[in-house]
Protein backbone atom coordinates (compact mmCIF):
# COMPACT_ATOMS: atom_id res chain seq x y z
CA MET A 1 -39.65 -5.17 48.15
CA ALA A 2 -38.30 -7.94 46.51
CA LYS A 3 -37.71 -7.84 43.09
CA LEU A 4 -37.96 -10.95 40.97
CA THR A 5 -34.27 -11.04 40.46
CA ASP A 6 -33.61 -11.56 44.40
CA PHE A 7 -34.28 -15.09 43.90
CA ARG A 8 -31.52 -17.77 42.90
CA LEU A 9 -33.46 -20.62 41.77
CA LEU A 10 -37.09 -21.45 39.16
CA CYS A 11 -38.83 -24.13 39.58
CA PHE A 12 -40.99 -25.59 37.18
CA ASP A 13 -44.30 -26.96 36.97
CA VAL A 14 -44.14 -28.76 33.43
CA TYR A 15 -47.51 -28.98 32.40
CA GLY A 16 -50.02 -26.36 31.82
CA THR A 17 -46.86 -24.11 32.67
CA LEU A 18 -44.14 -24.46 29.86
CA ILE A 19 -46.47 -27.74 27.55
CA ASP A 20 -50.19 -26.96 27.17
CA TRP A 21 -51.39 -29.78 29.34
CA GLU A 22 -54.70 -29.52 28.46
CA THR A 23 -54.34 -28.98 24.88
CA GLY A 24 -52.79 -31.88 24.76
CA ILE A 25 -55.53 -33.86 27.04
CA LEU A 26 -57.44 -32.69 24.82
CA ALA A 27 -56.58 -34.34 21.92
CA GLY A 28 -55.92 -37.35 23.82
CA LEU A 29 -59.80 -37.58 24.85
CA ASN A 30 -61.07 -36.29 21.99
CA SER A 31 -62.83 -39.09 20.08
CA LEU A 32 -64.87 -40.20 23.48
CA SER A 33 -65.70 -36.43 24.30
CA GLU A 34 -66.61 -35.97 20.71
CA ALA A 35 -68.49 -38.67 20.85
CA LYS A 36 -71.18 -36.71 23.48
CA GLN A 37 -70.22 -33.39 21.58
CA LEU A 38 -68.36 -32.53 25.42
CA THR A 39 -67.41 -28.76 25.53
CA ARG A 40 -64.21 -27.87 26.05
CA ASP A 41 -64.60 -27.10 29.59
CA GLN A 42 -66.57 -30.05 30.19
CA THR A 43 -63.91 -32.02 29.48
CA LEU A 44 -61.37 -30.67 30.82
CA GLU A 45 -63.46 -29.98 34.10
CA LEU A 46 -64.28 -34.52 33.57
CA TYR A 47 -60.38 -35.15 33.27
CA HIS A 48 -58.97 -33.14 36.17
CA GLU A 49 -61.26 -34.82 38.53
CA LEU A 50 -60.96 -37.45 37.62
CA GLU A 51 -56.84 -36.92 38.05
CA LYS A 52 -57.45 -35.90 41.30
CA GLU A 53 -59.26 -38.96 42.45
CA GLN A 54 -56.64 -41.27 41.42
CA GLN A 55 -53.33 -39.68 42.18
CA THR A 56 -54.92 -39.68 45.81
CA LYS A 57 -55.32 -42.87 45.07
CA THR A 58 -52.69 -44.66 43.50
CA PRO A 59 -49.67 -41.50 44.38
CA ASP A 60 -46.57 -44.02 43.44
CA MET A 61 -48.59 -44.69 40.24
CA PRO A 62 -46.21 -43.54 37.25
CA TYR A 63 -47.76 -40.46 35.16
CA SER A 64 -47.64 -42.75 31.90
CA GLN A 65 -49.78 -45.93 34.22
CA LEU A 66 -52.24 -43.40 35.61
CA LEU A 67 -53.43 -41.50 32.53
CA ALA A 68 -53.95 -44.59 30.69
CA SER A 69 -56.50 -45.97 33.69
CA ILE A 70 -57.77 -43.23 33.40
CA TYR A 71 -59.33 -43.21 29.92
CA PRO A 72 -61.54 -46.47 30.65
CA GLN A 73 -62.78 -43.87 33.60
CA PHE A 74 -63.59 -41.08 31.57
CA ALA A 75 -64.87 -43.56 29.35
CA ALA A 76 -67.22 -44.97 32.04
CA ARG A 77 -68.76 -41.21 33.31
CA VAL A 78 -69.59 -39.85 29.93
CA GLY A 79 -71.12 -42.75 28.85
CA VAL A 80 -69.48 -44.72 25.66
CA GLY A 81 -68.61 -48.25 24.75
CA ALA A 82 -65.17 -49.82 27.22
CA PRO A 83 -61.74 -48.61 24.63
CA SER A 84 -59.56 -51.14 24.37
CA ALA A 85 -56.65 -51.85 26.27
CA GLN A 86 -54.22 -49.85 23.18
CA GLU A 87 -56.36 -47.18 22.99
CA SER A 88 -55.71 -46.89 26.97
CA GLU A 89 -52.12 -46.88 26.97
CA ALA A 90 -52.25 -44.54 23.38
CA PHE A 91 -53.63 -42.29 26.02
CA GLY A 92 -51.42 -42.73 28.59
CA GLN A 93 -48.21 -42.87 26.21
CA SER A 94 -48.89 -39.13 24.79
CA VAL A 95 -47.85 -37.14 27.44
CA GLY A 96 -44.19 -36.45 25.37
CA ARG A 97 -46.42 -35.39 21.96
CA TRP A 98 -47.85 -32.44 23.63
CA PRO A 99 -46.93 -29.32 22.89
CA ALA A 100 -44.95 -26.36 24.09
CA PHE A 101 -46.14 -23.39 24.39
CA PRO A 102 -44.93 -20.90 22.01
CA ASP A 103 -42.79 -18.94 24.28
CA THR A 104 -41.10 -21.87 26.45
CA VAL A 105 -38.13 -22.88 24.34
CA ASP A 106 -36.88 -18.56 24.38
CA ALA A 107 -38.51 -18.09 27.62
CA LEU A 108 -36.23 -20.75 29.40
CA LYS A 109 -33.17 -20.23 27.93
CA ARG A 110 -33.12 -16.49 28.46
CA LEU A 111 -34.25 -16.95 32.71
CA SER A 112 -31.27 -19.57 32.07
CA LYS A 113 -28.96 -16.95 32.50
CA TYR A 114 -29.35 -15.82 35.88
CA TYR A 115 -30.79 -18.74 37.18
CA LYS A 116 -30.87 -22.44 37.82
CA LEU A 117 -33.64 -24.50 36.68
CA VAL A 118 -35.52 -26.90 37.87
CA VAL A 119 -38.16 -29.02 37.71
CA LEU A 120 -41.17 -30.43 39.75
CA SER A 121 -43.42 -32.05 37.94
CA ASN A 122 -45.89 -34.77 37.99
CA VAL A 123 -44.91 -36.62 35.13
CA ASP A 124 -42.75 -40.06 35.43
CA ARG A 125 -38.91 -39.51 34.35
CA GLU A 126 -39.73 -41.09 31.19
CA SER A 127 -42.78 -39.32 29.91
CA PHE A 128 -40.69 -36.41 30.94
CA LYS A 129 -37.75 -37.64 29.84
CA ALA A 130 -39.89 -37.74 26.10
CA THR A 131 -41.16 -34.10 26.05
CA ASN A 132 -37.12 -32.55 27.59
CA ALA A 133 -36.15 -34.01 24.26
CA GLY A 134 -38.84 -33.36 21.57
CA PRO A 135 -41.30 -30.35 22.77
CA LEU A 136 -38.74 -28.73 24.84
CA GLY A 137 -36.19 -28.81 21.79
CA GLY A 138 -33.61 -30.26 24.56
CA VAL A 139 -33.03 -27.50 26.92
CA ARG A 140 -31.04 -27.87 30.16
CA PHE A 141 -32.55 -28.45 33.32
CA ASP A 142 -29.92 -28.81 36.45
CA ARG A 143 -32.42 -30.96 38.56
CA ILE A 144 -35.48 -32.44 37.45
CA ILE A 145 -37.49 -34.37 40.70
CA THR A 146 -40.40 -36.18 38.77
CA ALA A 147 -43.11 -37.33 41.15
CA GLN A 148 -41.58 -41.05 40.26
CA ASP A 149 -38.83 -39.75 42.50
CA VAL A 150 -41.05 -38.16 45.29
CA GLY A 151 -43.64 -40.87 45.49
CA SER A 152 -46.41 -38.46 46.10
CA TYR A 153 -47.95 -36.06 43.35
CA LYS A 154 -48.43 -32.86 43.36
CA PRO A 155 -50.09 -31.11 45.86
CA ASP A 156 -48.91 -33.23 47.94
CA LEU A 157 -46.67 -30.87 50.16
CA ARG A 158 -43.42 -34.13 50.69
CA ASN A 159 -42.97 -32.60 46.99
CA PHE A 160 -42.10 -29.41 47.71
CA GLU A 161 -39.91 -30.76 50.88
CA TYR A 162 -38.17 -33.16 48.15
CA MET A 163 -37.39 -30.31 46.18
CA LEU A 164 -36.69 -27.95 49.24
CA LYS A 165 -34.41 -30.74 50.56
CA THR A 166 -32.65 -31.50 47.02
CA VAL A 167 -31.48 -27.47 45.91
CA LYS A 168 -30.39 -27.16 49.62
CA THR A 169 -28.02 -30.25 49.69
CA GLU A 170 -26.73 -29.96 45.57
CA PHE A 171 -27.19 -25.97 45.37
CA GLY A 172 -26.41 -24.39 48.55
CA VAL A 173 -30.29 -22.82 47.56
CA GLU A 174 -32.18 -22.12 50.75
CA LYS A 175 -36.09 -21.40 50.42
CA ASN A 176 -36.26 -18.04 50.49
CA GLU A 177 -33.91 -17.88 46.84
CA VAL A 178 -36.14 -20.11 45.00
CA LEU A 179 -39.95 -19.43 43.05
CA GLN A 180 -42.74 -21.17 42.01
CA THR A 181 -42.78 -20.91 38.69
CA ALA A 182 -46.26 -22.44 37.68
CA GLN A 183 -50.13 -22.06 36.36
CA SER A 184 -51.65 -24.30 38.56
CA GLN A 185 -53.35 -22.37 41.59
CA PHE A 186 -54.17 -26.15 42.60
CA HIS A 187 -51.11 -28.17 42.23
CA ASP A 188 -48.48 -25.46 43.09
CA HIS A 189 -49.45 -21.62 44.67
CA HIS A 190 -51.13 -23.12 47.15
CA PRO A 191 -48.63 -25.68 48.44
CA ALA A 192 -45.75 -23.41 47.97
CA ARG A 193 -47.86 -20.74 50.10
CA GLU A 194 -48.29 -23.52 52.67
CA MET A 195 -44.89 -23.93 52.56
CA GLY A 196 -43.29 -20.68 52.18
CA ILE A 197 -41.81 -20.26 49.06
CA LYS A 198 -42.57 -17.26 47.33
CA SER A 199 -44.28 -18.62 43.88
CA VAL A 200 -44.74 -16.47 40.04
CA TRP A 201 -48.29 -17.86 38.64
CA ILE A 202 -47.73 -17.70 34.52
CA GLU A 203 -51.76 -18.07 34.13
CA ARG A 204 -51.75 -19.65 30.65
CA ARG A 205 -55.48 -18.59 30.59
CA GLY A 206 -55.67 -22.02 31.72
CA THR A 207 -58.80 -23.69 33.27
CA MET A 208 -57.17 -26.28 35.12
CA GLY A 209 -56.24 -26.96 38.39
CA ASN A 210 -57.84 -22.95 39.22
CA ARG A 211 -59.34 -22.31 42.47
CA ASP A 212 -61.68 -19.57 43.72
CA GLU A 213 -58.60 -18.44 45.70
CA GLN A 214 -55.67 -16.64 43.34
CA ILE A 215 -52.49 -16.95 45.80
CA TYR A 216 -49.09 -15.43 44.04
CA ASP A 217 -46.43 -12.91 43.70
CA TRP A 218 -45.79 -11.76 40.29
CA LYS A 219 -48.66 -12.30 37.89
CA PHE A 220 -47.73 -13.38 34.15
CA VAL A 221 -50.06 -13.89 31.15
CA THR A 222 -46.46 -16.39 29.25
CA LEU A 223 -43.15 -17.77 30.75
CA GLY A 224 -41.96 -14.87 27.88
CA GLU A 225 -43.54 -12.00 29.54
CA MET A 226 -42.04 -12.76 32.82
CA ALA A 227 -38.56 -12.99 30.76
CA ASP A 228 -38.96 -9.86 29.64
CA ALA A 229 -39.49 -8.98 33.17
CA VAL A 230 -36.28 -10.28 34.66
CA GLU A 231 -34.15 -8.51 31.86
CA GLN A 232 -36.11 -4.89 32.42
CA GLU A 233 -35.01 -5.49 36.13
CA LEU A 234 -31.49 -6.55 35.39
CA ALA A 235 -31.48 -3.84 32.80
CA SER A 236 -32.60 -0.96 35.30
CA LYS A 237 -29.89 -2.12 38.13
CA GLY A 238 -26.50 -2.55 35.42
CA ALA A 239 -28.21 1.50 34.49
């Protein structure tokens, strides 16, 4: 039976797993969703649908620009007047201010004592840089890979292939030593299984990216709970 401590590297999704993506999106769309009295679930469901469509159409578009392009589409779909270019741009630039989950920074620091920490995110470099300097408190990652680096968005398998090639070249880490650590079934767990990568579902009780079939090798509600489990394994090994 595999243990969490059998692995050498954690490959993180960021937005939804480390950062409260849903709260950030809801805050950014608040003026549009309130105008039509949309529920939280209705807002997130429509946003996720539009994001998926736009990422498929423009896989090489940086995420901040992609967000800005989705904003007027969302307004049109809910029947709100067309927003200004400045309003759309503000939504696109909001990523770096989305809040971290309260357990994230402490859990990352604890996990970094045992694992290499790698980011595999759908955002662009500048957006992640703002997040890392702000809500993530400057936590050091061993490697940062964005959709902008790959030229495609997860769940495209090219993103996972790029990551596996990178960690093998730079750290000598093989696929069987990588744990995909993520909230989204759609973006991370299903493609990770296709690639033969083990995964940890940080459920976060989120809604975006959920699938009817839940795929994972380990499951925790928070990253803090995962860090606890790793430390317990390490303690039992040392006993």
